PDB file of all heavy atoms in Angstrom:
ATOM      1  N   VAL A   1       0.852  -1.195   0.000  1.00  0.00           N
ATOM      2  CA  VAL A   1       0.000   0.000   0.000  1.00  0.00           C
ATOM      3  C   VAL A   1       0.885   1.242   0.000  1.00  0.00           C
ATOM      4  O   VAL A   1       1.881   1.318   0.738  1.00  0.00           O
ATOM      5  CB  VAL A   1      -0.937   0.035   1.232  1.00  0.00           C
ATOM      6  CG1 VAL A   1      -1.850   1.266   1.168  1.00  0.00           C
ATOM      7  CG2 VAL A   1      -1.765  -1.236   1.324  1.00  0.00           C
ATOM      8  N   MET A   2       0.510   2.212  -0.839  1.00  0.00           N
ATOM      9  CA  MET A   2       1.143   3.527  -0.826  1.00  0.00           C
ATOM     10  C   MET A   2       0.134   4.535  -0.279  1.00  0.00           C
ATOM     11  O   MET A   2      -1.041   4.517  -0.671  1.00  0.00           O
ATOM     12  CB  MET A   2       1.574   3.954  -2.231  1.00  0.00           C
ATOM     13  CG  MET A   2       2.527   2.995  -2.910  1.00  0.00           C
ATOM     14  SD  MET A   2       3.168   3.643  -4.494  1.00  0.00           S
ATOM     15  CE  MET A   2       1.645   3.773  -5.451  1.00  0.00           C
ATOM     16  N   VAL A   3       0.592   5.408   0.576  1.00  0.00           N
ATOM     17  CA  VAL A   3      -0.247   6.468   1.133  1.00  0.00           C
ATOM     18  C   VAL A   3       0.253   7.797   0.568  1.00  0.00           C
ATOM     19  O   VAL A   3       1.443   8.115   0.669  1.00  0.00           O
ATOM     20  CB  VAL A   3      -0.182   6.495   2.674  1.00  0.00           C
ATOM     21  CG1 VAL A   3      -1.115   7.572   3.226  1.00  0.00           C
ATOM     22  CG2 VAL A   3      -0.546   5.127   3.246  1.00  0.00           C
ATOM     23  N   ILE A   4      -0.641   8.557  -0.040  1.00  0.00           N
ATOM     24  CA  ILE A   4      -0.269   9.810  -0.686  1.00  0.00           C
ATOM     25  C   ILE A   4      -0.979  10.970  -0.008  1.00  0.00           C
ATOM     26  O   ILE A   4      -2.139  10.868   0.390  1.00  0.00           O
ATOM     27  CB  ILE A   4      -0.593   9.764  -2.195  1.00  0.00           C
ATOM     28  CG1 ILE A   4       0.041  10.936  -2.930  1.00  0.00           C
ATOM     29  CG2 ILE A   4      -2.087   9.673  -2.445  1.00  0.00           C
ATOM     30  CD1 ILE A   4      -0.027  10.808  -4.438  1.00  0.00           C
ATOM     31  N   TYR A   5      -0.250  12.071   0.141  1.00  0.00           N
ATOM     32  CA  TYR A   5      -0.815  13.286   0.745  1.00  0.00           C
ATOM     33  C   TYR A   5      -0.343  14.486  -0.051  1.00  0.00           C
ATOM     34  O   TYR A   5       0.861  14.727  -0.168  1.00  0.00           O
ATOM     35  CB  TYR A   5      -0.390  13.419   2.211  1.00  0.00           C
ATOM     36  CG  TYR A   5      -1.029  14.604   2.909  1.00  0.00           C
ATOM     37  CD1 TYR A   5      -2.344  14.525   3.364  1.00  0.00           C
ATOM     38  CD2 TYR A   5      -0.343  15.801   3.087  1.00  0.00           C
ATOM     39  CE1 TYR A   5      -2.952  15.609   3.987  1.00  0.00           C
ATOM     40  CE2 TYR A   5      -0.935  16.886   3.711  1.00  0.00           C
ATOM     41  CZ  TYR A   5      -2.245  16.788   4.157  1.00  0.00           C
ATOM     42  OH  TYR A   5      -2.849  17.864   4.768  1.00  0.00           O
ATOM     43  N   LEU A   6      -1.273  15.219  -0.628  1.00  0.00           N
ATOM     44  CA  LEU A   6      -0.979  16.409  -1.426  1.00  0.00           C
ATOM     45  C   LEU A   6       0.133  16.149  -2.444  1.00  0.00           C
ATOM     46  O   LEU A   6       1.083  16.926  -2.571  1.00  0.00           O
ATOM     47  CB  LEU A   6      -0.618  17.591  -0.517  1.00  0.00           C
ATOM     48  CG  LEU A   6      -1.798  18.216   0.235  1.00  0.00           C
ATOM     49  CD1 LEU A   6      -1.322  19.346   1.141  1.00  0.00           C
ATOM     50  CD2 LEU A   6      -2.852  18.733  -0.738  1.00  0.00           C
ATOM     51  N   GLY A   7       0.024  15.041  -3.150  1.00  0.00           N
ATOM     52  CA  GLY A   7       0.914  14.760  -4.253  1.00  0.00           C
ATOM     53  C   GLY A   7       2.222  14.095  -3.910  1.00  0.00           C
ATOM     54  O   GLY A   7       3.020  13.806  -4.808  1.00  0.00           O
ATOM     55  N   ARG A   8       2.467  13.819  -2.638  1.00  0.00           N
ATOM     56  CA  ARG A   8       3.713  13.159  -2.228  1.00  0.00           C
ATOM     57  C   ARG A   8       3.396  11.874  -1.472  1.00  0.00           C
ATOM     58  O   ARG A   8       2.456  11.833  -0.653  1.00  0.00           O
ATOM     59  CB  ARG A   8       4.560  14.065  -1.331  1.00  0.00           C
ATOM     60  CG  ARG A   8       5.137  15.274  -2.033  1.00  0.00           C
ATOM     61  CD  ARG A   8       5.983  16.107  -1.062  1.00  0.00           C
ATOM     62  NE  ARG A   8       6.527  17.292  -1.700  1.00  0.00           N
ATOM     63  CZ  ARG A   8       7.687  17.339  -2.338  1.00  0.00           C
ATOM     64  NH1 ARG A   8       8.444  16.251  -2.406  1.00  0.00           N
ATOM     65  NH2 ARG A   8       8.108  18.463  -2.907  1.00  0.00           N
ATOM     66  N   LEU A   9       4.190  10.836  -1.729  1.00  0.00           N
ATOM     67  CA  LEU A   9       4.043   9.605  -0.958  1.00  0.00           C
ATOM     68  C   LEU A   9       4.606   9.831   0.435  1.00  0.00           C
ATOM     69  O   LEU A   9       5.737  10.307   0.602  1.00  0.00           O
ATOM     70  CB  LEU A   9       4.795   8.456  -1.644  1.00  0.00           C
ATOM     71  CG  LEU A   9       4.294   8.036  -3.022  1.00  0.00           C
ATOM     72  CD1 LEU A   9       5.107   6.849  -3.540  1.00  0.00           C
ATOM     73  CD2 LEU A   9       2.809   7.682  -2.997  1.00  0.00           C
ATOM     74  N   VAL A  10       3.802   9.479   1.449  1.00  0.00           N
ATOM     75  CA  VAL A  10       4.258   9.660   2.825  1.00  0.00           C
ATOM     76  C   VAL A  10       4.537   8.334   3.516  1.00  0.00           C
ATOM     77  O   VAL A  10       5.246   8.298   4.528  1.00  0.00           O
ATOM     78  CB  VAL A  10       3.244  10.490   3.650  1.00  0.00           C
ATOM     79  CG1 VAL A  10       3.113  11.890   3.072  1.00  0.00           C
ATOM     80  CG2 VAL A  10       1.885   9.794   3.715  1.00  0.00           C
ATOM     81  N   GLU A  11       3.981   7.249   2.979  1.00  0.00           N
ATOM     82  CA  GLU A  11       4.291   5.934   3.535  1.00  0.00           C
ATOM     83  C   GLU A  11       4.052   4.867   2.476  1.00  0.00           C
ATOM     84  O   GLU A  11       3.083   4.932   1.721  1.00  0.00           O
ATOM     85  CB  GLU A  11       3.451   5.630   4.780  1.00  0.00           C
ATOM     86  CG  GLU A  11       3.807   4.304   5.455  1.00  0.00           C
ATOM     87  CD  GLU A  11       3.362   4.215   6.915  1.00  0.00           C
ATOM     88  OE1 GLU A  11       2.674   5.143   7.402  1.00  0.00           O
ATOM     89  OE2 GLU A  11       3.709   3.199   7.568  1.00  0.00           O
ATOM     90  N   VAL A  12       4.958   3.900   2.415  1.00  0.00           N
ATOM     91  CA  VAL A  12       4.825   2.731   1.550  1.00  0.00           C
ATOM     92  C   VAL A  12       5.186   1.522   2.388  1.00  0.00           C
ATOM     93  O   VAL A  12       6.237   1.500   3.031  1.00  0.00           O
ATOM     94  CB  VAL A  12       5.748   2.813   0.318  1.00  0.00           C
ATOM     95  CG1 VAL A  12       5.566   1.583  -0.565  1.00  0.00           C
ATOM     96  CG2 VAL A  12       5.490   4.086  -0.478  1.00  0.00           C
ATOM     97  N   ALA A  13       4.314   0.518   2.398  1.00  0.00           N
ATOM     98  CA  ALA A  13       4.562  -0.646   3.248  1.00  0.00           C
ATOM     99  C   ALA A  13       3.800  -1.841   2.716  1.00  0.00           C
ATOM    100  O   ALA A  13       2.862  -1.706   1.924  1.00  0.00           O
ATOM    101  CB  ALA A  13       4.150  -0.353   4.698  1.00  0.00           C
ATOM    102  N   SER A  14       4.206  -3.020   3.166  1.00  0.00           N
ATOM    103  CA  SER A  14       3.400  -4.205   2.893  1.00  0.00           C
ATOM    104  C   SER A  14       2.047  -3.999   3.550  1.00  0.00           C
ATOM    105  O   SER A  14       1.904  -3.270   4.537  1.00  0.00           O
ATOM    106  CB  SER A  14       4.073  -5.448   3.463  1.00  0.00           C
ATOM    107  OG  SER A  14       4.094  -5.397   4.884  1.00  0.00           O
ATOM    108  N   CYS A  15       1.025  -4.631   2.985  1.00  0.00           N
ATOM    109  CA  CYS A  15      -0.325  -4.441   3.510  1.00  0.00           C
ATOM    110  C   CYS A  15      -0.401  -4.835   4.984  1.00  0.00           C
ATOM    111  O   CYS A  15      -0.963  -4.115   5.806  1.00  0.00           O
ATOM    112  CB  CYS A  15      -1.311  -5.261   2.679  1.00  0.00           C
ATOM    113  SG  CYS A  15      -3.045  -4.895   3.016  1.00  0.00           S
ATOM    114  N   GLU A  16       0.191  -5.953   5.307  1.00  0.00           N
ATOM    115  CA  GLU A  16       0.162  -6.420   6.695  1.00  0.00           C
ATOM    116  C   GLU A  16       0.825  -5.421   7.628  1.00  0.00           C
ATOM    117  O   GLU A  16       0.307  -5.101   8.697  1.00  0.00           O
ATOM    118  CB  GLU A  16       0.856  -7.781   6.800  1.00  0.00           C
ATOM    119  CG  GLU A  16       0.901  -8.343   8.211  1.00  0.00           C
ATOM    120  CD  GLU A  16       1.623  -9.676   8.283  1.00  0.00           C
ATOM    121  OE1 GLU A  16       2.106 -10.161   7.237  1.00  0.00           O
ATOM    122  OE2 GLU A  16       1.713 -10.231   9.398  1.00  0.00           O
ATOM    123  N   ARG A  17       1.984  -4.918   7.198  1.00  0.00           N
ATOM    124  CA  ARG A  17       2.728  -3.989   8.041  1.00  0.00           C
ATOM    125  C   ARG A  17       2.003  -2.657   8.191  1.00  0.00           C
ATOM    126  O   ARG A  17       1.954  -2.076   9.283  1.00  0.00           O
ATOM    127  CB  ARG A  17       4.114  -3.753   7.430  1.00  0.00           C
ATOM    128  CG  ARG A  17       5.029  -2.860   8.243  1.00  0.00           C
ATOM    129  CD  ARG A  17       5.482  -3.542   9.509  1.00  0.00           C
ATOM    130  NE  ARG A  17       6.382  -2.702  10.289  1.00  0.00           N
ATOM    131  CZ  ARG A  17       6.751  -2.958  11.538  1.00  0.00           C
ATOM    132  NH1 ARG A  17       6.297  -4.048  12.145  1.00  0.00           N
ATOM    133  NH2 ARG A  17       7.565  -2.161  12.180  1.00  0.00           N
ATOM    134  N   LEU A  18       1.422  -2.162   7.105  1.00  0.00           N
ATOM    135  CA  LEU A  18       0.774  -0.856   7.171  1.00  0.00           C
ATOM    136  C   LEU A  18      -0.416  -0.873   8.116  1.00  0.00           C
ATOM    137  O   LEU A  18      -0.623   0.064   8.884  1.00  0.00           O
ATOM    138  CB  LEU A  18       0.326  -0.426   5.776  1.00  0.00           C
ATOM    139  CG  LEU A  18      -0.254   0.993   5.751  1.00  0.00           C
ATOM    140  CD1 LEU A  18       0.628   1.919   4.928  1.00  0.00           C
ATOM    141  CD2 LEU A  18      -1.680   1.007   5.217  1.00  0.00           C
ATOM    142  N   PHE A  19      -1.206  -1.954   8.084  1.00  0.00           N
ATOM    143  CA  PHE A  19      -2.398  -1.985   8.922  1.00  0.00           C
ATOM    144  C   PHE A  19      -2.103  -2.416  10.355  1.00  0.00           C
ATOM    145  O   PHE A  19      -2.867  -2.093  11.259  1.00  0.00           O
ATOM    146  CB  PHE A  19      -3.448  -2.901   8.298  1.00  0.00           C
ATOM    147  CG  PHE A  19      -4.174  -2.266   7.135  1.00  0.00           C
ATOM    148  CD1 PHE A  19      -3.734  -2.443   5.842  1.00  0.00           C
ATOM    149  CD2 PHE A  19      -5.275  -1.467   7.355  1.00  0.00           C
ATOM    150  CE1 PHE A  19      -4.382  -1.853   4.768  1.00  0.00           C
ATOM    151  CE2 PHE A  19      -5.942  -0.864   6.296  1.00  0.00           C
ATOM    152  CZ  PHE A  19      -5.497  -1.052   5.003  1.00  0.00           C
ATOM    153  N   SER A  20      -1.002  -3.130  10.564  1.00  0.00           N
ATOM    154  CA  SER A  20      -0.683  -3.561  11.928  1.00  0.00           C
ATOM    155  C   SER A  20       0.221  -2.570  12.639  1.00  0.00           C
ATOM    156  O   SER A  20       0.151  -2.433  13.870  1.00  0.00           O
ATOM    157  CB  SER A  20      -0.011  -4.937  11.904  1.00  0.00           C
ATOM    158  OG  SER A  20       1.240  -4.888  11.231  1.00  0.00           O
ATOM    159  N   ALA A  21       1.084  -1.864  11.903  1.00  0.00           N
ATOM    160  CA  ALA A  21       2.033  -0.949  12.536  1.00  0.00           C
ATOM    161  C   ALA A  21       2.310   0.253  11.649  1.00  0.00           C
ATOM    162  O   ALA A  21       3.421   0.451  11.158  1.00  0.00           O
ATOM    163  CB  ALA A  21       3.342  -1.681  12.862  1.00  0.00           C
ATOM    164  N   PRO A  22       1.295   1.099  11.390  1.00  0.00           N
ATOM    165  CA  PRO A  22       1.518   2.294  10.577  1.00  0.00           C
ATOM    166  C   PRO A  22       2.476   3.243  11.294  1.00  0.00           C
ATOM    167  O   PRO A  22       2.410   3.405  12.509  1.00  0.00           O
ATOM    168  CB  PRO A  22       0.124   2.896  10.449  1.00  0.00           C
ATOM    169  CG  PRO A  22      -0.606   2.410  11.663  1.00  0.00           C
ATOM    170  CD  PRO A  22      -0.080   1.030  11.926  1.00  0.00           C
ATOM    171  N   ARG A  23       3.362   3.900  10.521  1.00  0.00           N
ATOM    172  CA  ARG A  23       4.372   4.749  11.136  1.00  0.00           C
ATOM    173  C   ARG A  23       4.161   6.241  10.888  1.00  0.00           C
ATOM    174  O   ARG A  23       4.564   7.058  11.703  1.00  0.00           O
ATOM    175  CB  ARG A  23       5.760   4.346  10.629  1.00  0.00           C
ATOM    176  CG  ARG A  23       6.199   2.953  11.048  1.00  0.00           C
ATOM    177  CD  ARG A  23       6.499   2.887  12.535  1.00  0.00           C
ATOM    178  NE  ARG A  23       7.560   3.787  12.906  1.00  0.00           N
ATOM    179  CZ  ARG A  23       8.861   3.477  12.893  1.00  0.00           C
ATOM    180  NH1 ARG A  23       9.231   2.268  12.505  1.00  0.00           N
ATOM    181  NH2 ARG A  23       9.781   4.349  13.270  1.00  0.00           N
ATOM    182  N   HIS A  24       3.581   6.600   9.766  1.00  0.00           N
ATOM    183  CA  HIS A  24       3.402   8.030   9.490  1.00  0.00           C
ATOM    184  C   HIS A  24       2.145   8.542  10.196  1.00  0.00           C
ATOM    185  O   HIS A  24       1.114   7.864  10.215  1.00  0.00           O
ATOM    186  CB  HIS A  24       3.280   8.279   7.986  1.00  0.00           C
ATOM    187  CG  HIS A  24       3.468   9.720   7.620  1.00  0.00           C
ATOM    188  ND1 HIS A  24       2.463  10.658   7.746  1.00  0.00           N
ATOM    189  CD2 HIS A  24       4.555  10.389   7.148  1.00  0.00           C
ATOM    190  CE1 HIS A  24       2.912  11.839   7.358  1.00  0.00           C
ATOM    191  NE2 HIS A  24       4.185  11.702   6.990  1.00  0.00           N
ATOM    192  N   PRO A  25       2.199   9.737  10.791  1.00  0.00           N
ATOM    193  CA  PRO A  25       1.016  10.271  11.477  1.00  0.00           C
ATOM    194  C   PRO A  25      -0.210  10.376  10.583  1.00  0.00           C
ATOM    195  O   PRO A  25      -1.341  10.198  11.047  1.00  0.00           O
ATOM    196  CB  PRO A  25       1.481  11.655  11.951  1.00  0.00           C
ATOM    197  CG  PRO A  25       2.964  11.533  12.085  1.00  0.00           C
ATOM    198  CD  PRO A  25       3.394  10.595  10.993  1.00  0.00           C
ATOM    199  N   TYR A  26      -0.027  10.660   9.299  1.00  0.00           N
ATOM    200  CA  TYR A  26      -1.174  10.756   8.396  1.00  0.00           C
ATOM    201  C   TYR A  26      -1.814   9.385   8.192  1.00  0.00           C
ATOM    202  O   TYR A  26      -3.040   9.250   8.208  1.00  0.00           O
ATOM    203  CB  TYR A  26      -0.744  11.344   7.054  1.00  0.00           C
ATOM    204  CG  TYR A  26      -1.872  11.441   6.050  1.00  0.00           C
ATOM    205  CD1 TYR A  26      -3.024  12.162   6.340  1.00  0.00           C
ATOM    206  CD2 TYR A  26      -1.786  10.807   4.813  1.00  0.00           C
ATOM    207  CE1 TYR A  26      -4.064  12.260   5.425  1.00  0.00           C
ATOM    208  CE2 TYR A  26      -2.819  10.898   3.890  1.00  0.00           C
ATOM    209  CZ  TYR A  26      -3.957  11.623   4.204  1.00  0.00           C
ATOM    210  OH  TYR A  26      -4.978  11.699   3.285  1.00  0.00           O
ATOM    211  N   THR A  27      -0.994   8.357   8.005  1.00  0.00           N
ATOM    212  CA  THR A  27      -1.528   7.003   7.872  1.00  0.00           C
ATOM    213  C   THR A  27      -2.311   6.616   9.113  1.00  0.00           C
ATOM    214  O   THR A  27      -3.405   6.044   9.029  1.00  0.00           O
ATOM    215  CB  THR A  27      -0.398   5.990   7.635  1.00  0.00           C
ATOM    216  OG1 THR A  27       0.421   6.422   6.561  1.00  0.00           O
ATOM    217  CG2 THR A  27      -0.949   4.611   7.327  1.00  0.00           C
ATOM    218  N   ARG A  28      -1.763   6.934  10.267  1.00  0.00           N
ATOM    219  CA  ARG A  28      -2.451   6.605  11.516  1.00  0.00           C
ATOM    220  C   ARG A  28      -3.763   7.369  11.642  1.00  0.00           C
ATOM    221  O   ARG A  28      -4.749   6.841  12.163  1.00  0.00           O
ATOM    222  CB  ARG A  28      -1.533   6.890  12.705  1.00  0.00           C
ATOM    223  CG  ARG A  28      -0.335   5.952  12.769  1.00  0.00           C
ATOM    224  CD  ARG A  28       0.553   6.252  13.980  1.00  0.00           C
ATOM    225  NE  ARG A  28      -0.158   6.072  15.237  1.00  0.00           N
ATOM    226  CZ  ARG A  28      -0.360   4.901  15.841  1.00  0.00           C
ATOM    227  NH1 ARG A  28       0.091   3.785  15.281  1.00  0.00           N
ATOM    228  NH2 ARG A  28      -1.001   4.842  16.988  1.00  0.00           N
TER     229      ARG A  28
END
């Protein structure tokens, strides 16, 4: 999964990792 905010990627992670341990405040 890639997370984008105002045209910039802010987090890229495996699906499992993103939903179990998101690191960027926007993703959270």
